[in-house]
Amino acid sequence: MKVTIEFDGNEEKEELREALDGYKWKGAVLDLDESLRKITKYGFVGNREATEQERESADMFREELRRVLDEWNLILD
């Protein structure tokens, strides 16, 4: 499949950058989701044990991230 995207002039430079950086955004969100998953699954933040509040917060943020992605009809993995 071949896709052509055209942008006109300097005014659309930001839109071009957003279109080209889509894979970077996905990678960043995947990294964030994985970090939150590790906190909830293994119970550690870095090298120390996570508090119960940190575990609950990580789980809550991960659920919210999934909800937002679903709302935008985006598939993370």
PDB file of N, CA and C in Angstrom:
ATOM      1  N   MET A   1       0.846  -1.164   0.000  1.00  0.00           N
ATOM      2  CA  MET A   1       0.000   0.000   0.000  1.00  0.00           C
ATOM      3  C   MET A   1       0.897   1.234   0.000  1.00  0.00           C
ATOM      4  N   LYS A   2       0.448   2.240  -0.675  1.00  0.00           N
ATOM      5  CA  LYS A   2       1.193   3.494  -0.748  1.00  0.00           C
ATOM      6  C   LYS A   2       0.264   4.626  -0.332  1.00  0.00           C
ATOM      7  N   VAL A   3       0.747   5.485   0.552  1.00  0.00           N
ATOM      8  CA  VAL A   3      -0.023   6.624   1.044  1.00  0.00           C
ATOM      9  C   VAL A   3       0.785   7.886   0.801  1.00  0.00           C
ATOM     10  N   THR A   4       0.127   8.899   0.288  1.00  0.00           N
ATOM     11  CA  THR A   4       0.781  10.185   0.062  1.00  0.00           C
ATOM     12  C   THR A   4       0.091  11.236   0.921  1.00  0.00           C
ATOM     13  N   ILE A   5       0.892  11.949   1.703  1.00  0.00           N
ATOM     14  CA  ILE A   5       0.373  13.023   2.539  1.00  0.00           C
ATOM     15  C   ILE A   5       1.034  14.307   2.061  1.00  0.00           C
ATOM     16  N   GLU A   6       0.232  15.314   1.786  1.00  0.00           N
ATOM     17  CA  GLU A   6       0.769  16.580   1.307  1.00  0.00           C
ATOM     18  C   GLU A   6       0.484  17.691   2.301  1.00  0.00           C
ATOM     19  N   PHE A   7       1.507  18.514   2.530  1.00  0.00           N
ATOM     20  CA  PHE A   7       1.377  19.676   3.385  1.00  0.00           C
ATOM     21  C   PHE A   7       1.882  20.877   2.600  1.00  0.00           C
ATOM     22  N   ASP A   8       1.178  21.991   2.728  1.00  0.00           N
ATOM     23  CA  ASP A   8       1.535  23.186   1.981  1.00  0.00           C
ATOM     24  C   ASP A   8       2.199  24.218   2.882  1.00  0.00           C
ATOM     25  N   GLY A   9       3.409  24.581   2.532  1.00  0.00           N
ATOM     26  CA  GLY A   9       4.075  25.705   3.164  1.00  0.00           C
ATOM     27  C   GLY A   9       4.476  25.519   4.607  1.00  0.00           C
ATOM     28  N   ASN A  10       5.039  26.588   5.138  1.00  0.00           N
ATOM     29  CA  ASN A  10       5.533  26.615   6.509  1.00  0.00           C
ATOM     30  C   ASN A  10       4.423  26.562   7.540  1.00  0.00           C
ATOM     31  N   GLU A  11       3.224  27.027   7.187  1.00  0.00           N
ATOM     32  CA  GLU A  11       2.119  27.062   8.144  1.00  0.00           C
ATOM     33  C   GLU A  11       1.739  25.665   8.623  1.00  0.00           C
ATOM     34  N   GLU A  12       1.971  24.672   7.807  1.00  0.00           N
ATOM     35  CA  GLU A  12       1.574  23.313   8.151  1.00  0.00           C
ATOM     36  C   GLU A  12       2.747  22.465   8.631  1.00  0.00           C
ATOM     37  N   LYS A  13       3.847  23.106   8.979  1.00  0.00           N
ATOM     38  CA  LYS A  13       5.035  22.382   9.433  1.00  0.00           C
ATOM     39  C   LYS A  13       4.745  21.555  10.687  1.00  0.00           C
ATOM     40  N   GLU A  14       3.968  22.117  11.620  1.00  0.00           N
ATOM     41  CA  GLU A  14       3.640  21.398  12.851  1.00  0.00           C
ATOM     42  C   GLU A  14       2.804  20.154  12.560  1.00  0.00           C
ATOM     43  N   GLU A  15       1.835  20.260  11.654  1.00  0.00           N
ATOM     44  CA  GLU A  15       1.020  19.111  11.289  1.00  0.00           C
ATOM     45  C   GLU A  15       1.858  18.008  10.646  1.00  0.00           C
ATOM     46  N   LEU A  16       2.831  18.407   9.840  1.00  0.00           N
ATOM     47  CA  LEU A  16       3.737  17.436   9.232  1.00  0.00           C
ATOM     48  C   LEU A  16       4.533  16.711  10.306  1.00  0.00           C
ATOM     49  N   ARG A  17       5.073  17.468  11.254  1.00  0.00           N
ATOM     50  CA  ARG A  17       5.861  16.856  12.333  1.00  0.00           C
ATOM     51  C   ARG A  17       4.996  15.879  13.130  1.00  0.00           C
ATOM     52  N   GLU A  18       3.744  16.248  13.427  1.00  0.00           N
ATOM     53  CA  GLU A  18       2.837  15.357  14.159  1.00  0.00           C
ATOM     54  C   GLU A  18       2.580  14.077  13.373  1.00  0.00           C
ATOM     55  N   ALA A  19       2.378  14.204  12.071  1.00  0.00           N
ATOM     56  CA  ALA A  19       2.130  13.028  11.232  1.00  0.00           C
ATOM     57  C   ALA A  19       3.340  12.097  11.215  1.00  0.00           C
ATOM     58  N   LEU A  20       4.522  12.666  11.151  1.00  0.00           N
ATOM     59  CA  LEU A  20       5.739  11.857  11.092  1.00  0.00           C
ATOM     60  C   LEU A  20       6.118  11.252  12.442  1.00  0.00           C
ATOM     61  N   ASP A  21       5.721  11.895  13.538  1.00  0.00           N
ATOM     62  CA  ASP A  21       6.101  11.435  14.877  1.00  0.00           C
ATOM     63  C   ASP A  21       5.085  10.496  15.519  1.00  0.00           C
ATOM     64  N   GLY A  22       4.087  10.065  14.803  1.00  0.00           N
ATOM     65  CA  GLY A  22       3.061   9.192  15.377  1.00  0.00           C
ATOM     66  C   GLY A  22       3.629   7.953  16.046  1.00  0.00           C
ATOM     67  N   TYR A  23       4.602   7.313  15.404  1.00  0.00           N
ATOM     68  CA  TYR A  23       5.192   6.104  15.976  1.00  0.00           C
ATOM     69  C   TYR A  23       5.945   6.402  17.278  1.00  0.00           C
ATOM     70  N   LYS A  24       6.501   7.615  17.388  1.00  0.00           N
ATOM     71  CA  LYS A  24       7.202   7.998  18.619  1.00  0.00           C
ATOM     72  C   LYS A  24       6.207   8.156  19.767  1.00  0.00           C
ATOM     73  N   TRP A  25       5.050   8.768  19.464  1.00  0.00           N
ATOM     74  CA  TRP A  25       4.013   8.919  20.487  1.00  0.00           C
ATOM     75  C   TRP A  25       3.541   7.550  20.975  1.00  0.00           C
ATOM     76  N   LYS A  26       3.346   6.625  20.045  1.00  0.00           N
ATOM     77  CA  LYS A  26       2.918   5.284  20.433  1.00  0.00           C
ATOM     78  C   LYS A  26       3.974   4.633  21.317  1.00  0.00           C
ATOM     79  N   GLY A  27       5.243   4.773  20.947  1.00  0.00           N
ATOM     80  CA  GLY A  27       6.315   4.208  21.762  1.00  0.00           C
ATOM     81  C   GLY A  27       6.356   4.792  23.156  1.00  0.00           C
ATOM     82  N   ALA A  28       6.153   6.093  23.270  1.00  0.00           N
ATOM     83  CA  ALA A  28       6.162   6.753  24.578  1.00  0.00           C
ATOM     84  C   ALA A  28       5.001   6.270  25.439  1.00  0.00           C
ATOM     85  N   VAL A  29       3.821   6.139  24.838  1.00  0.00           N
ATOM     86  CA  VAL A  29       2.650   5.666  25.587  1.00  0.00           C
ATOM     87  C   VAL A  29       2.836   4.206  25.988  1.00  0.00           C
ATOM     88  N   LEU A  30       3.411   3.395  25.111  1.00  0.00           N
ATOM     89  CA  LEU A  30       3.712   2.003  25.461  1.00  0.00           C
ATOM     90  C   LEU A  30       4.667   1.930  26.647  1.00  0.00           C
ATOM     91  N   ASP A  31       5.714   2.775  26.645  1.00  0.00           N
ATOM     92  CA  ASP A  31       6.665   2.800  27.762  1.00  0.00           C
ATOM     93  C   ASP A  31       5.977   3.188  29.064  1.00  0.00           C
ATOM     94  N   LEU A  32       5.114   4.195  29.001  1.00  0.00           N
ATOM     95  CA  LEU A  32       4.386   4.621  30.191  1.00  0.00           C
ATOM     96  C   LEU A  32       3.484   3.498  30.705  1.00  0.00           C
ATOM     97  N   ASP A  33       2.751   2.861  29.804  1.00  0.00           N
ATOM     98  CA  ASP A  33       1.866   1.762  30.189  1.00  0.00           C
ATOM     99  C   ASP A  33       2.658   0.622  30.823  1.00  0.00           C
ATOM    100  N   GLU A  34       3.805   0.306  30.258  1.00  0.00           N
ATOM    101  CA  GLU A  34       4.645  -0.763  30.801  1.00  0.00           C
ATOM    102  C   GLU A  34       5.175  -0.403  32.189  1.00  0.00           C
ATOM    103  N   SER A  35       5.567   0.842  32.391  1.00  0.00           N
ATOM    104  CA  SER A  35       6.039   1.279  33.713  1.00  0.00           C
ATOM    105  C   SER A  35       4.939   1.152  34.758  1.00  0.00           C
ATOM    106  N   LEU A  36       3.737   1.570  34.396  1.00  0.00           N
ATOM    107  CA  LEU A  36       2.606   1.457  35.320  1.00  0.00           C
ATOM    108  C   LEU A  36       2.261  -0.002  35.590  1.00  0.00           C
ATOM    109  N   ARG A  37       2.340  -0.848  34.577  1.00  0.00           N
ATOM    110  CA  ARG A  37       2.057  -2.277  34.748  1.00  0.00           C
ATOM    111  C   ARG A  37       3.048  -2.923  35.709  1.00  0.00           C
ATOM    112  N   LYS A  38       4.323  -2.551  35.594  1.00  0.00           N
ATOM    113  CA  LYS A  38       5.342  -3.122  36.484  1.00  0.00           C
ATOM    114  C   LYS A  38       5.084  -2.746  37.932  1.00  0.00           C
ATOM    115  N   ILE A  39       4.638  -1.518  38.158  1.00  0.00           N
ATOM    116  CA  ILE A  39       4.342  -1.091  39.534  1.00  0.00           C
ATOM    117  C   ILE A  39       3.197  -1.920  40.096  1.00  0.00           C
ATOM    118  N   THR A  40       2.146  -2.102  39.314  1.00  0.00           N
ATOM    119  CA  THR A  40       0.988  -2.855  39.819  1.00  0.00           C
ATOM    120  C   THR A  40       1.287  -4.345  39.925  1.00  0.00           C
ATOM    121  N   LYS A  41       2.073  -4.890  38.996  1.00  0.00           N
ATOM    122  CA  LYS A  41       2.333  -6.333  38.990  1.00  0.00           C
ATOM    123  C   LYS A  41       3.402  -6.744  39.992  1.00  0.00           C
ATOM    124  N   TYR A  42       4.512  -6.015  40.021  1.00  0.00           N
ATOM    125  CA  TYR A  42       5.646  -6.413  40.855  1.00  0.00           C
ATOM    126  C   TYR A  42       5.760  -5.613  42.148  1.00  0.00           C
ATOM    127  N   GLY A  43       5.083  -4.456  42.222  1.00  0.00           N
ATOM    128  CA  GLY A  43       5.074  -3.689  43.449  1.00  0.00           C
ATOM    129  C   GLY A  43       6.339  -2.916  43.737  1.00  0.00           C
ATOM    130  N   PHE A  44       7.052  -2.496  42.689  1.00  0.00           N
ATOM    131  CA  PHE A  44       8.266  -1.721  42.895  1.00  0.00           C
ATOM    132  C   PHE A  44       8.254  -0.460  42.052  1.00  0.00           C
ATOM    133  N   VAL A  45       8.779   0.611  42.637  1.00  0.00           N
ATOM    134  CA  VAL A  45       9.021   1.864  41.922  1.00  0.00           C
ATOM    135  C   VAL A  45      10.529   2.034  41.944  1.00  0.00           C
ATOM    136  N   GLY A  46      11.150   1.825  40.799  1.00  0.00           N
ATOM    137  CA  GLY A  46      12.613   1.836  40.766  1.00  0.00           C
ATOM    138  C   GLY A  46      13.139   0.659  41.568  1.00  0.00           C
ATOM    139  N   ASN A  47      13.962   0.945  42.572  1.00  0.00           N
ATOM    140  CA  ASN A  47      14.562  -0.118  43.397  1.00  0.00           C
ATOM    141  C   ASN A  47      13.889  -0.296  44.750  1.00  0.00           C
ATOM    142  N   ARG A  48      12.819   0.443  44.984  1.00  0.00           N
ATOM    143  CA  ARG A  48      12.164   0.327  46.290  1.00  0.00           C
ATOM    144  C   ARG A  48      10.751  -0.220  46.130  1.00  0.00           C
ATOM    145  N   GLU A  49      10.261  -0.768  47.223  1.00  0.00           N
ATOM    146  CA  GLU A  49       8.904  -1.315  47.204  1.00  0.00           C
ATOM    147  C   GLU A  49       7.889  -0.171  47.146  1.00  0.00           C
ATOM    148  N   ALA A  50       6.896  -0.345  46.298  1.00  0.00           N
ATOM    149  CA  ALA A  50       5.845   0.668  46.148  1.00  0.00           C
ATOM    150  C   ALA A  50       4.886   0.608  47.334  1.00  0.00           C
ATOM    151  N   THR A  51       4.378   1.762  47.706  1.00  0.00           N
ATOM    152  CA  THR A  51       3.350   1.791  48.744  1.00  0.00           C
ATOM    153  C   THR A  51       2.034   1.320  48.140  1.00  0.00           C
ATOM    154  N   GLU A  52       1.096   0.998  48.980  1.00  0.00           N
ATOM    155  CA  GLU A  52      -0.226   0.585  48.508  1.00  0.00           C
ATOM    156  C   GLU A  52      -0.866   1.703  47.695  1.00  0.00           C
ATOM    157  N   GLN A  53      -0.689   2.939  48.138  1.00  0.00           N
ATOM    158  CA  GLN A  53      -1.241   4.086  47.409  1.00  0.00           C
ATOM    159  C   GLN A  53      -0.605   4.207  46.025  1.00  0.00           C
ATOM    160  N   GLU A  54       0.694   3.970  45.925  1.00  0.00           N
ATOM    161  CA  GLU A  54       1.367   4.024  44.623  1.00  0.00           C
ATOM    162  C   GLU A  54       0.861   2.924  43.698  1.00  0.00           C
ATOM    163  N   ARG A  55       0.654   1.742  44.233  1.00  0.00           N
ATOM    164  CA  ARG A  55       0.116   0.643  43.424  1.00  0.00           C
ATOM    165  C   ARG A  55      -1.283   0.960  42.926  1.00  0.00           C
ATOM    166  N   GLU A  56      -2.116   1.457  43.820  1.00  0.00           N
ATOM    167  CA  GLU A  56      -3.484   1.802  43.440  1.00  0.00           C
ATOM    168  C   GLU A  56      -3.499   2.936  42.410  1.00  0.00           C
ATOM    169  N   SER A  57      -2.628   3.924  42.599  1.00  0.00           N
ATOM    170  CA  SER A  57      -2.553   5.041  41.658  1.00  0.00           C
ATOM    171  C   SER A  57      -2.080   4.571  40.286  1.00  0.00           C
ATOM    172  N   ALA A  58      -1.078   3.718  40.263  1.00  0.00           N
ATOM    173  CA  ALA A  58      -0.578   3.194  38.990  1.00  0.00           C
ATOM    174  C   ALA A  58      -1.673   2.434  38.261  1.00  0.00           C
ATOM    175  N   ASP A  59      -2.421   1.637  38.994  1.00  0.00           N
ATOM    176  CA  ASP A  59      -3.528   0.883  38.394  1.00  0.00           C
ATOM    177  C   ASP A  59      -4.603   1.832  37.871  1.00  0.00           C
ATOM    178  N   MET A  60      -4.921   2.864  38.642  1.00  0.00           N
ATOM    179  CA  MET A  60      -5.929   3.840  38.232  1.00  0.00           C
ATOM    180  C   MET A  60      -5.475   4.586  36.974  1.00  0.00           C
ATOM    181  N   PHE A  61      -4.216   5.023  36.934  1.00  0.00           N
ATOM    182  CA  PHE A  61      -3.696   5.740  35.771  1.00  0.00           C
ATOM    183  C   PHE A  61      -3.666   4.838  34.540  1.00  0.00           C
ATOM    184  N   ARG A  62      -3.335   3.580  34.747  1.00  0.00           N
ATOM    185  CA  ARG A  62      -3.307   2.646  33.614  1.00  0.00           C
ATOM    186  C   ARG A  62      -4.716   2.434  33.049  1.00  0.00           C
ATOM    187  N   GLU A  63      -5.681   2.295  33.920  1.00  0.00           N
ATOM    188  CA  GLU A  63      -7.066   2.160  33.470  1.00  0.00           C
ATOM    189  C   GLU A  63      -7.526   3.415  32.727  1.00  0.00           C
ATOM    190  N   GLU A  64      -7.166   4.577  33.247  1.00  0.00           N
ATOM    191  CA  GLU A  64      -7.554   5.834  32.594  1.00  0.00           C
ATOM    192  C   GLU A  64      -6.874   5.967  31.230  1.00  0.00           C
ATOM    193  N   LEU A  65      -5.618   5.585  31.150  1.00  0.00           N
ATOM    194  CA  LEU A  65      -4.905   5.616  29.879  1.00  0.00           C
ATOM    195  C   LEU A  65      -5.617   4.730  28.860  1.00  0.00           C
ATOM    196  N   ARG A  66      -6.001   3.539  29.267  1.00  0.00           N
ATOM    197  CA  ARG A  66      -6.721   2.623  28.366  1.00  0.00           C
ATOM    198  C   ARG A  66      -8.069   3.203  27.953  1.00  0.00           C
ATOM    199  N   ARG A  67      -8.756   3.858  28.873  1.00  0.00           N
ATOM    200  CA  ARG A  67     -10.056   4.457  28.566  1.00  0.00           C
ATOM    201  C   ARG A  67      -9.900   5.560  27.513  1.00  0.00           C
ATOM    202  N   VAL A  68      -8.884   6.414  27.700  1.00  0.00           N
ATOM    203  CA  VAL A  68      -8.659   7.507  26.756  1.00  0.00           C
ATOM    204  C   VAL A  68      -8.296   6.954  25.384  1.00  0.00           C
ATOM    205  N   LEU A  69      -7.428   5.964  25.339  1.00  0.00           N
ATOM    206  CA  LEU A  69      -7.058   5.361  24.057  1.00  0.00           C
ATOM    207  C   LEU A  69      -8.274   4.759  23.370  1.00  0.00           C
ATOM    208  N   ASP A  70      -9.113   4.100  24.141  1.00  0.00           N
ATOM    209  CA  ASP A  70     -10.332   3.519  23.580  1.00  0.00           C
ATOM    210  C   ASP A  70     -11.257   4.611  23.040  1.00  0.00           C
ATOM    211  N   GLU A  71     -11.369   5.697  23.773  1.00  0.00           N
ATOM    212  CA  GLU A  71     -12.198   6.820  23.344  1.00  0.00           C
ATOM    213  C   GLU A  71     -11.718   7.392  22.012  1.00  0.00           C
ATOM    214  N   TRP A  72     -10.425   7.398  21.802  1.00  0.00           N
ATOM    215  CA  TRP A  72      -9.847   7.903  20.550  1.00  0.00           C
ATOM    216  C   TRP A  72      -9.741   6.795  19.498  1.00  0.00           C
ATOM    217  N   ASN A  73     -10.243   5.603  19.846  1.00  0.00           N
ATOM    218  CA  ASN A  73     -10.216   4.460  18.936  1.00  0.00           C
ATOM    219  C   ASN A  73      -8.787   4.105  18.525  1.00  0.00           C
ATOM    220  N   LEU A  74      -7.892   4.092  19.521  1.00  0.00           N
ATOM    221  CA  LEU A  74      -6.483   3.752  19.314  1.00  0.00           C
ATOM    222  C   LEU A  74      -6.178   2.422  19.978  1.00  0.00           C
ATOM    223  N   ILE A  75      -5.398   1.608  19.309  1.00  0.00           N
ATOM    224  CA  ILE A  75      -4.988   0.310  19.838  1.00  0.00           C
ATOM    225  C   ILE A  75      -3.527   0.406  20.247  1.00  0.00           C
ATOM    226  N   LEU A  76      -3.258   0.086  21.513  1.00  0.00           N
ATOM    227  CA  LEU A  76      -1.898   0.227  22.029  1.00  0.00           C
ATOM    228  C   LEU A  76      -1.017  -0.959  21.674  1.00  0.00           C
ATOM    229  N   ASP A  77      -1.534  -2.151  21.870  1.00  0.00           N
ATOM    230  CA  ASP A  77      -0.693  -3.331  21.573  1.00  0.00           C
ATOM    231  C   ASP A  77      -1.435  -4.371  20.794  1.00  0.00           C
TER     232      ASP A  77
END
